[in-house]
Amino acid sequence: QESLTSRRSGGRAKKGGALTFAAFDILYADGRDLRKTPLEERK
């Protein structure tokens, strides 16, 4: 939240606040809709 507030005010993110995308599920890949694929296979 502090990182987002800093961006809104034109500042920079604090040290150690680099953003990461934590991915826990994949719903589409290789031309396939994976939503009906078992979760362990999707992972």
PDB file of all heavy atoms in Angstrom:
ATOM      1  N   GLN A   1       0.828  -1.206   0.000  1.00  0.00           N
ATOM      2  CA  GLN A   1       0.000   0.000   0.000  1.00  0.00           C
ATOM      3  C   GLN A   1       0.861   1.255   0.000  1.00  0.00           C
ATOM      4  O   GLN A   1       0.543   2.237  -0.688  1.00  0.00           O
ATOM      5  CB  GLN A   1      -0.943  -0.011   1.210  1.00  0.00           C
ATOM      6  CG  GLN A   1      -2.078  -1.010   1.081  1.00  0.00           C
ATOM      7  CD  GLN A   1      -3.014  -0.948   2.273  1.00  0.00           C
ATOM      8  OE1 GLN A   1      -2.583  -0.946   3.428  1.00  0.00           O
ATOM      9  NE2 GLN A   1      -4.295  -0.878   2.008  1.00  0.00           N
ATOM     10  N   GLU A   2       1.937   1.222   0.771  1.00  0.00           N
ATOM     11  CA  GLU A   2       2.846   2.369   0.806  1.00  0.00           C
ATOM     12  C   GLU A   2       3.483   2.588  -0.568  1.00  0.00           C
ATOM     13  O   GLU A   2       3.686   3.726  -1.000  1.00  0.00           O
ATOM     14  CB  GLU A   2       3.939   2.149   1.855  1.00  0.00           C
ATOM     15  CG  GLU A   2       3.429   2.207   3.283  1.00  0.00           C
ATOM     16  CD  GLU A   2       4.492   1.824   4.290  1.00  0.00           C
ATOM     17  OE1 GLU A   2       5.578   1.373   3.845  1.00  0.00           O
ATOM     18  OE2 GLU A   2       4.260   1.962   5.504  1.00  0.00           O
ATOM     19  N   SER A   3       3.778   1.496  -1.239  1.00  0.00           N
ATOM     20  CA  SER A   3       4.343   1.577  -2.583  1.00  0.00           C
ATOM     21  C   SER A   3       3.363   2.240  -3.531  1.00  0.00           C
ATOM     22  O   SER A   3       3.734   3.098  -4.339  1.00  0.00           O
ATOM     23  CB  SER A   3       4.700   0.176  -3.080  1.00  0.00           C
ATOM     24  OG  SER A   3       5.130   0.211  -4.418  1.00  0.00           O
ATOM     25  N   LEU A   4       2.090   1.875  -3.419  1.00  0.00           N
ATOM     26  CA  LEU A   4       1.064   2.460  -4.273  1.00  0.00           C
ATOM     27  C   LEU A   4       0.867   3.936  -3.949  1.00  0.00           C
ATOM     28  O   LEU A   4       0.751   4.774  -4.857  1.00  0.00           O
ATOM     29  CB  LEU A   4      -0.252   1.706  -4.095  1.00  0.00           C
ATOM     30  CG  LEU A   4      -1.438   2.170  -4.943  1.00  0.00           C
ATOM     31  CD1 LEU A   4      -1.092   2.110  -6.427  1.00  0.00           C
ATOM     32  CD2 LEU A   4      -2.661   1.313  -4.655  1.00  0.00           C
ATOM     33  N   THR A   5       0.869   4.282  -2.665  1.00  0.00           N
ATOM     34  CA  THR A   5       0.715   5.681  -2.249  1.00  0.00           C
ATOM     35  C   THR A   5       1.877   6.521  -2.763  1.00  0.00           C
ATOM     36  O   THR A   5       1.703   7.654  -3.229  1.00  0.00           O
ATOM     37  CB  THR A   5       0.622   5.776  -0.718  1.00  0.00           C
ATOM     38  OG1 THR A   5      -0.480   5.001  -0.259  1.00  0.00           O
ATOM     39  CG2 THR A   5       0.442   7.225  -0.289  1.00  0.00           C
ATOM     40  N   SER A   6       3.083   5.956  -2.688  1.00  0.00           N
ATOM     41  CA  SER A   6       4.272   6.664  -3.153  1.00  0.00           C
ATOM     42  C   SER A   6       4.187   6.946  -4.649  1.00  0.00           C
ATOM     43  O   SER A   6       4.557   8.022  -5.118  1.00  0.00           O
ATOM     44  CB  SER A   6       5.522   5.834  -2.844  1.00  0.00           C
ATOM     45  OG  SER A   6       6.683   6.453  -3.331  1.00  0.00           O
ATOM     46  N   ARG A   7       3.662   5.989  -5.415  1.00  0.00           N
ATOM     47  CA  ARG A   7       3.526   6.178  -6.859  1.00  0.00           C
ATOM     48  C   ARG A   7       2.502   7.270  -7.176  1.00  0.00           C
ATOM     49  O   ARG A   7       2.669   8.049  -8.099  1.00  0.00           O
ATOM     50  CB  ARG A   7       3.107   4.864  -7.521  1.00  0.00           C
ATOM     51  CG  ARG A   7       4.252   3.854  -7.645  1.00  0.00           C
ATOM     52  CD  ARG A   7       3.709   2.484  -8.040  1.00  0.00           C
ATOM     53  NE  ARG A   7       4.781   1.558  -8.325  1.00  0.00           N
ATOM     54  CZ  ARG A   7       5.489   0.928  -7.401  1.00  0.00           C
ATOM     55  NH1 ARG A   7       5.236   1.152  -6.120  1.00  0.00           N
ATOM     56  NH2 ARG A   7       6.449   0.095  -7.731  1.00  0.00           N
ATOM     57  N   ARG A   8       1.428   7.291  -6.410  1.00  0.00           N
ATOM     58  CA  ARG A   8       0.391   8.298  -6.631  1.00  0.00           C
ATOM     59  C   ARG A   8       0.925   9.706  -6.408  1.00  0.00           C
ATOM     60  O   ARG A   8       0.502  10.658  -7.063  1.00  0.00           O
ATOM     61  CB  ARG A   8      -0.791   8.042  -5.691  1.00  0.00           C
ATOM     62  CG  ARG A   8      -1.654   6.846  -6.111  1.00  0.00           C
ATOM     63  CD  ARG A   8      -2.692   6.558  -5.049  1.00  0.00           C
ATOM     64  NE  ARG A   8      -3.587   5.483  -5.435  1.00  0.00           N
ATOM     65  CZ  ARG A   8      -4.442   4.897  -4.604  1.00  0.00           C
ATOM     66  NH1 ARG A   8      -4.508   5.294  -3.329  1.00  0.00           N
ATOM     67  NH2 ARG A   8      -5.219   3.920  -5.030  1.00  0.00           N
ATOM     68  N   SER A   9       1.883   9.833  -5.469  1.00  0.00           N
ATOM     69  CA  SER A   9       2.447  11.148  -5.161  1.00  0.00           C
ATOM     70  C   SER A   9       3.667  11.463  -6.013  1.00  0.00           C
ATOM     71  O   SER A   9       4.329  12.474  -5.797  1.00  0.00           O
ATOM     72  CB  SER A   9       2.804  11.219  -3.671  1.00  0.00           C
ATOM     73  OG  SER A   9       3.785  10.249  -3.346  1.00  0.00           O
ATOM     74  N   GLY A  10       3.983  10.583  -6.960  1.00  0.00           N
ATOM     75  CA  GLY A  10       5.094  10.828  -7.858  1.00  0.00           C
ATOM     76  C   GLY A  10       6.430  10.390  -7.329  1.00  0.00           C
ATOM     77  O   GLY A  10       7.468  10.665  -7.927  1.00  0.00           O
ATOM     78  N   GLY A  11       6.437   9.670  -6.202  1.00  0.00           N
ATOM     79  CA  GLY A  11       7.689   9.198  -5.624  1.00  0.00           C
ATOM     80  C   GLY A  11       8.046   7.810  -6.118  1.00  0.00           C
ATOM     81  O   GLY A  11       7.430   7.271  -7.020  1.00  0.00           O
ATOM     82  N   ARG A  12       9.053   7.225  -5.486  1.00  0.00           N
ATOM     83  CA  ARG A  12       9.503   5.890  -5.836  1.00  0.00           C
ATOM     84  C   ARG A  12       9.185   4.914  -4.708  1.00  0.00           C
ATOM     85  O   ARG A  12       9.033   5.305  -3.557  1.00  0.00           O
ATOM     86  CB  ARG A  12      11.014   5.881  -6.120  1.00  0.00           C
ATOM     87  CG  ARG A  12      11.402   6.687  -7.349  1.00  0.00           C
ATOM     88  CD  ARG A  12      12.889   6.546  -7.601  1.00  0.00           C
ATOM     89  NE  ARG A  12      13.298   7.258  -8.818  1.00  0.00           N
ATOM     90  CZ  ARG A  12      14.541   7.268  -9.273  1.00  0.00           C
ATOM     91  NH1 ARG A  12      15.490   6.636  -8.601  1.00  0.00           N
ATOM     92  NH2 ARG A  12      14.836   7.921 -10.379  1.00  0.00           N
ATOM     93  N   ALA A  13       9.137   3.650  -5.076  1.00  0.00           N
ATOM     94  CA  ALA A  13       8.897   2.626  -4.064  1.00  0.00           C
ATOM     95  C   ALA A  13      10.059   2.589  -3.081  1.00  0.00           C
ATOM     96  O   ALA A  13      11.202   2.836  -3.437  1.00  0.00           O
ATOM     97  CB  ALA A  13       8.732   1.263  -4.732  1.00  0.00           C
ATOM     98  N   LYS A  14       9.771   2.262  -1.831  1.00  0.00           N
ATOM     99  CA  LYS A  14      10.824   2.185  -0.826  1.00  0.00           C
ATOM    100  C   LYS A  14      11.740   0.996  -1.103  1.00  0.00           C
ATOM    101  O   LYS A  14      11.374   0.036  -1.758  1.00  0.00           O
ATOM    102  CB  LYS A  14      10.191   2.039   0.566  1.00  0.00           C
ATOM    103  CG  LYS A  14       9.413   3.270   0.998  1.00  0.00           C
ATOM    104  CD  LYS A  14       8.893   3.102   2.402  1.00  0.00           C
ATOM    105  CE  LYS A  14       8.154   4.352   2.875  1.00  0.00           C
ATOM    106  NZ  LYS A  14       7.654   4.203   4.253  1.00  0.00           N
ATOM    107  N   LYS A  15      12.945   1.074  -0.577  1.00  0.00           N
ATOM    108  CA  LYS A  15      13.898  -0.008  -0.757  1.00  0.00           C
ATOM    109  C   LYS A  15      13.310  -1.294  -0.203  1.00  0.00           C
ATOM    110  O   LYS A  15      12.740  -1.323   0.883  1.00  0.00           O
ATOM    111  CB  LYS A  15      15.204   0.326  -0.036  1.00  0.00           C
ATOM    112  CG  LYS A  15      16.295  -0.700  -0.281  1.00  0.00           C
ATOM    113  CD  LYS A  15      17.579  -0.282   0.402  1.00  0.00           C
ATOM    114  CE  LYS A  15      18.681  -1.310   0.154  1.00  0.00           C
ATOM    115  NZ  LYS A  15      19.938  -0.931   0.824  1.00  0.00           N
ATOM    116  N   GLY A  16      13.467  -2.396  -0.953  1.00  0.00           N
ATOM    117  CA  GLY A  16      12.918  -3.673  -0.536  1.00  0.00           C
ATOM    118  C   GLY A  16      11.480  -3.851  -0.945  1.00  0.00           C
ATOM    119  O   GLY A  16      10.869  -4.860  -0.643  1.00  0.00           O
ATOM    120  N   GLY A  17      10.909  -2.869  -1.641  1.00  0.00           N
ATOM    121  CA  GLY A  17       9.511  -2.933  -2.012  1.00  0.00           C
ATOM    122  C   GLY A  17       9.273  -3.239  -3.473  1.00  0.00           C
ATOM    123  O   GLY A  17       8.215  -2.921  -3.993  1.00  0.00           O
ATOM    124  N   ALA A  18      10.252  -3.818  -4.153  1.00  0.00           N
ATOM    125  CA  ALA A  18      10.060  -4.199  -5.552  1.00  0.00           C
ATOM    126  C   ALA A  18       8.884  -5.155  -5.665  1.00  0.00           C
ATOM    127  O   ALA A  18       8.690  -6.027  -4.808  1.00  0.00           O
ATOM    128  CB  ALA A  18      11.333  -4.842  -6.095  1.00  0.00           C
ATOM    129  N   LEU A  19       8.114  -5.006  -6.720  1.00  0.00           N
ATOM    130  CA  LEU A  19       6.898  -5.789  -6.854  1.00  0.00           C
ATOM    131  C   LEU A  19       7.140  -7.110  -7.561  1.00  0.00           C
ATOM    132  O   LEU A  19       8.004  -7.236  -8.431  1.00  0.00           O
ATOM    133  CB  LEU A  19       5.846  -4.983  -7.608  1.00  0.00           C
ATOM    134  CG  LEU A  19       5.436  -3.651  -6.972  1.00  0.00           C
ATOM    135  CD1 LEU A  19       4.314  -3.010  -7.760  1.00  0.00           C
ATOM    136  CD2 LEU A  19       5.026  -3.851  -5.516  1.00  0.00           C
ATOM    137  N   THR A  20       6.362  -8.087  -7.159  1.00  0.00           N
ATOM    138  CA  THR A  20       6.426  -9.433  -7.721  1.00  0.00           C
ATOM    139  C   THR A  20       5.010  -9.904  -7.995  1.00  0.00           C
ATOM    140  O   THR A  20       4.077  -9.537  -7.277  1.00  0.00           O
ATOM    141  CB  THR A  20       7.107 -10.403  -6.726  1.00  0.00           C
ATOM    142  OG1 THR A  20       8.414  -9.918  -6.421  1.00  0.00           O
ATOM    143  CG2 THR A  20       7.215 -11.811  -7.298  1.00  0.00           C
ATOM    144  N   PHE A  21       4.860 -10.711  -9.038  1.00  0.00           N
ATOM    145  CA  PHE A  21       3.565 -11.335  -9.311  1.00  0.00           C
ATOM    146  C   PHE A  21       3.639 -12.776  -8.821  1.00  0.00           C
ATOM    147  O   PHE A  21       4.331 -13.601  -9.401  1.00  0.00           O
ATOM    148  CB  PHE A  21       3.235 -11.285 -10.800  1.00  0.00           C
ATOM    149  CG  PHE A  21       1.848 -11.777 -11.134  1.00  0.00           C
ATOM    150  CD1 PHE A  21       0.732 -11.051 -10.753  1.00  0.00           C
ATOM    151  CD2 PHE A  21       1.671 -12.963 -11.832  1.00  0.00           C
ATOM    152  CE1 PHE A  21      -0.546 -11.490 -11.055  1.00  0.00           C
ATOM    153  CE2 PHE A  21       0.382 -13.416 -12.154  1.00  0.00           C
ATOM    154  CZ  PHE A  21      -0.721 -12.678 -11.755  1.00  0.00           C
ATOM    155  N   ALA A  22       2.950 -13.061  -7.709  1.00  0.00           N
ATOM    156  CA  ALA A  22       2.910 -14.412  -7.164  1.00  0.00           C
ATOM    157  C   ALA A  22       1.808 -15.187  -7.879  1.00  0.00           C
ATOM    158  O   ALA A  22       0.622 -14.906  -7.690  1.00  0.00           O
ATOM    159  CB  ALA A  22       2.648 -14.373  -5.658  1.00  0.00           C
ATOM    160  N   ALA A  23       2.200 -16.148  -8.698  1.00  0.00           N
ATOM    161  CA  ALA A  23       1.246 -16.881  -9.542  1.00  0.00           C
ATOM    162  C   ALA A  23       0.887 -18.211  -8.892  1.00  0.00           C
ATOM    163  O   ALA A  23       1.769 -18.994  -8.536  1.00  0.00           O
ATOM    164  CB  ALA A  23       1.847 -17.108 -10.924  1.00  0.00           C
ATOM    165  N   PHE A  24      -0.419 -18.474  -8.739  1.00  0.00           N
ATOM    166  CA  PHE A  24      -0.827 -19.730  -8.110  1.00  0.00           C
ATOM    167  C   PHE A  24      -1.756 -20.572  -8.972  1.00  0.00           C
ATOM    168  O   PHE A  24      -2.093 -21.697  -8.601  1.00  0.00           O
ATOM    169  CB  PHE A  24      -1.449 -19.493  -6.731  1.00  0.00           C
ATOM    170  CG  PHE A  24      -2.483 -18.404  -6.681  1.00  0.00           C
ATOM    171  CD1 PHE A  24      -3.747 -18.576  -7.214  1.00  0.00           C
ATOM    172  CD2 PHE A  24      -2.190 -17.199  -6.065  1.00  0.00           C
ATOM    173  CE1 PHE A  24      -4.698 -17.575  -7.141  1.00  0.00           C
ATOM    174  CE2 PHE A  24      -3.127 -16.187  -5.984  1.00  0.00           C
ATOM    175  CZ  PHE A  24      -4.395 -16.374  -6.535  1.00  0.00           C
ATOM    176  N   ASP A  25      -2.163 -20.068 -10.125  1.00  0.00           N
ATOM    177  CA  ASP A  25      -3.017 -20.873 -11.002  1.00  0.00           C
ATOM    178  C   ASP A  25      -2.895 -20.359 -12.430  1.00  0.00           C
ATOM    179  O   ASP A  25      -2.663 -19.168 -12.655  1.00  0.00           O
ATOM    180  CB  ASP A  25      -4.483 -20.798 -10.545  1.00  0.00           C
ATOM    181  CG  ASP A  25      -5.332 -21.960 -11.064  1.00  0.00           C
ATOM    182  OD1 ASP A  25      -4.796 -22.799 -11.826  1.00  0.00           O
ATOM    183  OD2 ASP A  25      -6.511 -22.031 -10.696  1.00  0.00           O
ATOM    184  N   ILE A  26      -3.039 -21.266 -13.385  1.00  0.00           N
ATOM    185  CA  ILE A  26      -3.010 -20.891 -14.799  1.00  0.00           C
ATOM    186  C   ILE A  26      -4.313 -21.365 -15.429  1.00  0.00           C
ATOM    187  O   ILE A  26      -4.724 -22.516 -15.239  1.00  0.00           O
ATOM    188  CB  ILE A  26      -1.761 -21.468 -15.501  1.00  0.00           C
ATOM    189  CG1 ILE A  26      -1.598 -20.863 -16.899  1.00  0.00           C
ATOM    190  CG2 ILE A  26      -1.803 -22.985 -15.554  1.00  0.00           C
ATOM    191  CD1 ILE A  26      -0.220 -21.113 -17.516  1.00  0.00           C
ATOM    192  N   LEU A  27      -4.978 -20.471 -16.120  1.00  0.00           N
ATOM    193  CA  LEU A  27      -6.319 -20.753 -16.635  1.00  0.00           C
ATOM    194  C   LEU A  27      -6.354 -20.954 -18.142  1.00  0.00           C
ATOM    195  O   LEU A  27      -7.307 -21.522 -18.676  1.00  0.00           O
ATOM    196  CB  LEU A  27      -7.262 -19.603 -16.243  1.00  0.00           C
ATOM    197  CG  LEU A  27      -7.231 -19.222 -14.753  1.00  0.00           C
ATOM    198  CD1 LEU A  27      -8.126 -18.026 -14.490  1.00  0.00           C
ATOM    199  CD2 LEU A  27      -7.647 -20.401 -13.888  1.00  0.00           C
ATOM    200  N   TYR A  28      -5.293 -20.489 -18.826  1.00  0.00           N
ATOM    201  CA  TYR A  28      -5.224 -20.638 -20.274  1.00  0.00           C
ATOM    202  C   TYR A  28      -3.764 -20.671 -20.690  1.00  0.00           C
ATOM    203  O   TYR A  28      -2.966 -19.836 -20.264  1.00  0.00           O
ATOM    204  CB  TYR A  28      -5.933 -19.475 -20.968  1.00  0.00           C
ATOM    205  CG  TYR A  28      -6.027 -19.606 -22.479  1.00  0.00           C
ATOM    206  CD1 TYR A  28      -7.168 -20.139 -23.074  1.00  0.00           C
ATOM    207  CD2 TYR A  28      -4.987 -19.192 -23.296  1.00  0.00           C
ATOM    208  CE1 TYR A  28      -7.262 -20.265 -24.459  1.00  0.00           C
ATOM    209  CE2 TYR A  28      -5.078 -19.321 -24.685  1.00  0.00           C
ATOM    210  CZ  TYR A  28      -6.215 -19.845 -25.254  1.00  0.00           C
ATOM    211  OH  TYR A  28      -6.306 -19.976 -26.624  1.00  0.00           O
ATOM    212  N   ALA A  29      -3.401 -21.667 -21.517  1.00  0.00           N
ATOM    213  CA  ALA A  29      -2.027 -21.767 -22.019  1.00  0.00           C
ATOM    214  C   ALA A  29      -1.996 -22.740 -23.187  1.00  0.00           C
ATOM    215  O   ALA A  29      -2.816 -23.665 -23.265  1.00  0.00           O
ATOM    216  CB  ALA A  29      -1.069 -22.236 -20.927  1.00  0.00           C
ATOM    217  N   ASP A  30      -1.071 -22.517 -24.103  1.00  0.00           N
ATOM    218  CA  ASP A  30      -0.880 -23.409 -25.252  1.00  0.00           C
ATOM    219  C   ASP A  30      -2.167 -23.606 -26.048  1.00  0.00           C
ATOM    220  O   ASP A  30      -2.441 -24.687 -26.558  1.00  0.00           O
ATOM    221  CB  ASP A  30      -0.335 -24.766 -24.797  1.00  0.00           C
ATOM    222  CG  ASP A  30       1.001 -24.645 -24.086  1.00  0.00           C
ATOM    223  OD1 ASP A  30       1.804 -23.783 -24.496  1.00  0.00           O
ATOM    224  OD2 ASP A  30       1.237 -25.393 -23.125  1.00  0.00           O
ATOM    225  N   GLY A  31      -2.974 -22.538 -26.115  1.00  0.00           N
ATOM    226  CA  GLY A  31      -4.210 -22.602 -26.894  1.00  0.00           C
ATOM    227  C   GLY A  31      -5.329 -23.364 -26.229  1.00  0.00           C
ATOM    228  O   GLY A  31      -6.344 -23.653 -26.869  1.00  0.00           O
ATOM    229  N   ARG A  32      -5.180 -23.679 -24.951  1.00  0.00           N
ATOM    230  CA  ARG A  32      -6.183 -24.488 -24.253  1.00  0.00           C
ATOM    231  C   ARG A  32      -6.791 -23.730 -23.074  1.00  0.00           C
ATOM    232  O   ARG A  32      -6.080 -23.083 -22.301  1.00  0.00           O
ATOM    233  CB  ARG A  32      -5.551 -25.780 -23.725  1.00  0.00           C
ATOM    234  CG  ARG A  32      -5.038 -26.736 -24.773  1.00  0.00           C
ATOM    235  CD  ARG A  32      -4.189 -27.823 -24.125  1.00  0.00           C
ATOM    236  NE  ARG A  32      -4.898 -28.471 -23.026  1.00  0.00           N
ATOM    237  CZ  ARG A  32      -4.296 -29.016 -21.970  1.00  0.00           C
ATOM    238  NH1 ARG A  32      -2.993 -28.962 -21.858  1.00  0.00           N
ATOM    239  NH2 ARG A  32      -5.015 -29.604 -21.027  1.00  0.00           N
ATOM    240  N   ASP A  33      -8.109 -23.827 -22.945  1.00  0.00           N
ATOM    241  CA  ASP A  33      -8.804 -23.345 -21.764  1.00  0.00           C
ATOM    242  C   ASP A  33      -8.638 -24.427 -20.696  1.00  0.00           C
ATOM    243  O   ASP A  33      -9.152 -25.538 -20.824  1.00  0.00           O
ATOM    244  CB  ASP A  33     -10.289 -23.123 -22.085  1.00  0.00           C
ATOM    245  CG  ASP A  33     -11.037 -22.460 -20.946  1.00  0.00           C
ATOM    246  OD1 ASP A  33     -10.592 -22.585 -19.788  1.00  0.00           O
ATOM    247  OD2 ASP A  33     -12.081 -21.833 -21.207  1.00  0.00           O
ATOM    248  N   LEU A  34      -7.923 -24.105 -19.628  1.00  0.00           N
ATOM    249  CA  LEU A  34      -7.530 -25.103 -18.629  1.00  0.00           C
ATOM    250  C   LEU A  34      -8.440 -25.151 -17.414  1.00  0.00           C
ATOM    251  O   LEU A  34      -8.154 -25.891 -16.460  1.00  0.00           O
ATOM    252  CB  LEU A  34      -6.092 -24.825 -18.163  1.00  0.00           C
ATOM    253  CG  LEU A  34      -5.011 -24.841 -19.247  1.00  0.00           C
ATOM    254  CD1 LEU A  34      -3.681 -24.363 -18.663  1.00  0.00           C
ATOM    255  CD2 LEU A  34      -4.866 -26.235 -19.842  1.00  0.00           C
ATOM    256  N   ARG A  35      -9.531 -24.428 -17.428  1.00  0.00           N
ATOM    257  CA  ARG A  35     -10.331 -24.304 -16.213  1.00  0.00           C
ATOM    258  C   ARG A  35     -10.956 -25.619 -15.750  1.00  0.00           C
ATOM    259  O   ARG A  35     -11.273 -25.770 -14.573  1.00  0.00           O
ATOM    260  CB  ARG A  35     -11.408 -23.238 -16.416  1.00  0.00           C
ATOM    261  CG  ARG A  35     -10.842 -21.822 -16.432  1.00  0.00           C
ATOM    262  CD  ARG A  35     -11.894 -20.779 -16.724  1.00  0.00           C
ATOM    263  NE  ARG A  35     -12.416 -20.912 -18.088  1.00  0.00           N
ATOM    264  CZ  ARG A  35     -13.402 -20.163 -18.562  1.00  0.00           C
ATOM    265  NH1 ARG A  35     -13.995 -19.261 -17.794  1.00  0.00           N
ATOM    266  NH2 ARG A  35     -13.806 -20.314 -19.817  1.00  0.00           N
ATOM    267  N   LYS A  36     -11.126 -26.573 -16.653  1.00  0.00           N
ATOM    268  CA  LYS A  36     -11.671 -27.880 -16.265  1.00  0.00           C
ATOM    269  C   LYS A  36     -10.574 -28.920 -16.065  1.00  0.00           C
ATOM    270  O   LYS A  36     -10.857 -30.080 -15.772  1.00  0.00           O
ATOM    271  CB  LYS A  36     -12.667 -28.357 -17.324  1.00  0.00           C
ATOM    272  CG  LYS A  36     -13.921 -27.502 -17.394  1.00  0.00           C
ATOM    273  CD  LYS A  36     -14.914 -28.065 -18.400  1.00  0.00           C
ATOM    274  CE  LYS A  36     -16.174 -27.206 -18.452  1.00  0.00           C
ATOM    275  NZ  LYS A  36     -17.165 -27.750 -19.426  1.00  0.00           N
ATOM    276  N   THR A  37      -9.317 -28.498 -16.200  1.00  0.00           N
ATOM    277  CA  THR A  37      -8.174 -29.388 -15.978  1.00  0.00           C
ATOM    278  C   THR A  37      -7.916 -29.499 -14.477  1.00  0.00           C
ATOM    279  O   THR A  37      -8.038 -28.508 -13.754  1.00  0.00           O
ATOM    280  CB  THR A  37      -6.925 -28.826 -16.681  1.00  0.00           C
ATOM    281  OG1 THR A  37      -7.203 -28.669 -18.075  1.00  0.00           O
ATOM    282  CG2 THR A  37      -5.731 -29.740 -16.506  1.00  0.00           C
ATOM    283  N   PRO A  38      -7.576 -30.681 -13.964  1.00  0.00           N
ATOM    284  CA  PRO A  38      -7.301 -30.819 -12.521  1.00  0.00           C
ATOM    285  C   PRO A  38      -6.263 -29.813 -12.037  1.00  0.00           C
ATOM    286  O   PRO A  38      -5.309 -29.488 -12.746  1.00  0.00           O
ATOM    287  CB  PRO A  38      -6.777 -32.260 -12.410  1.00  0.00           C
ATOM    288  CG  PRO A  38      -7.419 -32.981 -13.554  1.00  0.00           C
ATOM    289  CD  PRO A  38      -7.494 -31.974 -14.671  1.00  0.00           C
ATOM    290  N   LEU A  39      -6.445 -29.341 -10.810  1.00  0.00           N
ATOM    291  CA  LEU A  39      -5.608 -28.276 -10.271  1.00  0.00           C
ATOM    292  C   LEU A  39      -4.121 -28.637 -10.261  1.00  0.00           C
ATOM    293  O   LEU A  39      -3.272 -27.821 -10.628  1.00  0.00           O
ATOM    294  CB  LEU A  39      -6.072 -27.915  -8.860  1.00  0.00           C
ATOM    295  CG  LEU A  39      -5.249 -26.857  -8.117  1.00  0.00           C
ATOM    296  CD1 LEU A  39      -5.201 -25.557  -8.912  1.00  0.00           C
ATOM    297  CD2 LEU A  39      -5.810 -26.612  -6.727  1.00  0.00           C
ATOM    298  N   GLU A  40      -3.785 -29.855  -9.834  1.00  0.00           N
ATOM    299  CA  GLU A  40      -2.375 -30.234  -9.785  1.00  0.00           C
ATOM    300  C   GLU A  40      -1.733 -30.202 -11.168  1.00  0.00           C
ATOM    301  O   GLU A  40      -0.565 -29.820 -11.314  1.00  0.00           O
ATOM    302  CB  GLU A  40      -2.221 -31.622  -9.160  1.00  0.00           C
ATOM    303  CG  GLU A  40      -2.399 -31.628  -7.650  1.00  0.00           C
ATOM    304  CD  GLU A  40      -2.118 -32.986  -7.046  1.00  0.00           C
ATOM    305  OE1 GLU A  40      -3.026 -33.832  -7.039  1.00  0.00           O
ATOM    306  OE2 GLU A  40      -0.983 -33.193  -6.578  1.00  0.00           O
ATOM    307  N   GLU A  41      -2.496 -30.569 -12.183  1.00  0.00           N
ATOM    308  CA  GLU A  41      -1.973 -30.505 -13.552  1.00  0.00           C
ATOM    309  C   GLU A  41      -1.789 -29.058 -13.986  1.00  0.00           C
ATOM    310  O   GLU A  41      -0.800 -28.710 -14.639  1.00  0.00           O
ATOM    311  CB  GLU A  41      -2.920 -31.239 -14.501  1.00  0.00           C
ATOM    312  CG  GLU A  41      -2.401 -31.326 -15.933  1.00  0.00           C
ATOM    313  CD  GLU A  41      -3.327 -32.111 -16.836  1.00  0.00           C
ATOM    314  OE1 GLU A  41      -4.091 -32.961 -16.338  1.00  0.00           O
ATOM    315  OE2 GLU A  41      -3.291 -31.867 -18.071  1.00  0.00           O
ATOM    316  N   ARG A  42      -2.733 -28.204 -13.618  1.00  0.00           N
ATOM    317  CA  ARG A  42      -2.612 -26.777 -13.946  1.00  0.00           C
ATOM    318  C   ARG A  42      -1.385 -26.179 -13.268  1.00  0.00           C
ATOM    319  O   ARG A  42      -0.655 -25.378 -13.867  1.00  0.00           O
ATOM    320  CB  ARG A  42      -3.860 -26.006 -13.515  1.00  0.00           C
ATOM    321  CG  ARG A  42      -5.117 -26.370 -14.269  1.00  0.00           C
ATOM    322  CD  ARG A  42      -6.151 -25.254 -14.223  1.00  0.00           C
ATOM    323  NE  ARG A  42      -6.455 -24.742 -12.911  1.00  0.00           N
ATOM    324  CZ  ARG A  42      -7.429 -25.206 -12.129  1.00  0.00           C
ATOM    325  NH1 ARG A  42      -8.167 -26.242 -12.515  1.00  0.00           N
ATOM    326  NH2 ARG A  42      -7.660 -24.657 -10.956  1.00  0.00           N
ATOM    327  N   LYS A  43      -1.156 -26.558 -12.017  1.00  0.00           N
ATOM    328  CA  LYS A  43       0.003 -26.034 -11.291  1.00  0.00           C
ATOM    329  C   LYS A  43       1.309 -26.453 -11.965  1.00  0.00           C
ATOM    330  O   LYS A  43       2.267 -25.677 -12.034  1.00  0.00           O
ATOM    331  CB  LYS A  43      -0.023 -26.529  -9.841  1.00  0.00           C
ATOM    332  CG  LYS A  43      -1.186 -25.999  -9.018  1.00  0.00           C
ATOM    333  CD  LYS A  43      -0.897 -24.636  -8.433  1.00  0.00           C
ATOM    334  CE  LYS A  43       0.090 -24.728  -7.313  1.00  0.00           C
ATOM    335  NZ  LYS A  43       0.317 -23.423  -6.665  1.00  0.00           N
TER     336      LYS A  43
END
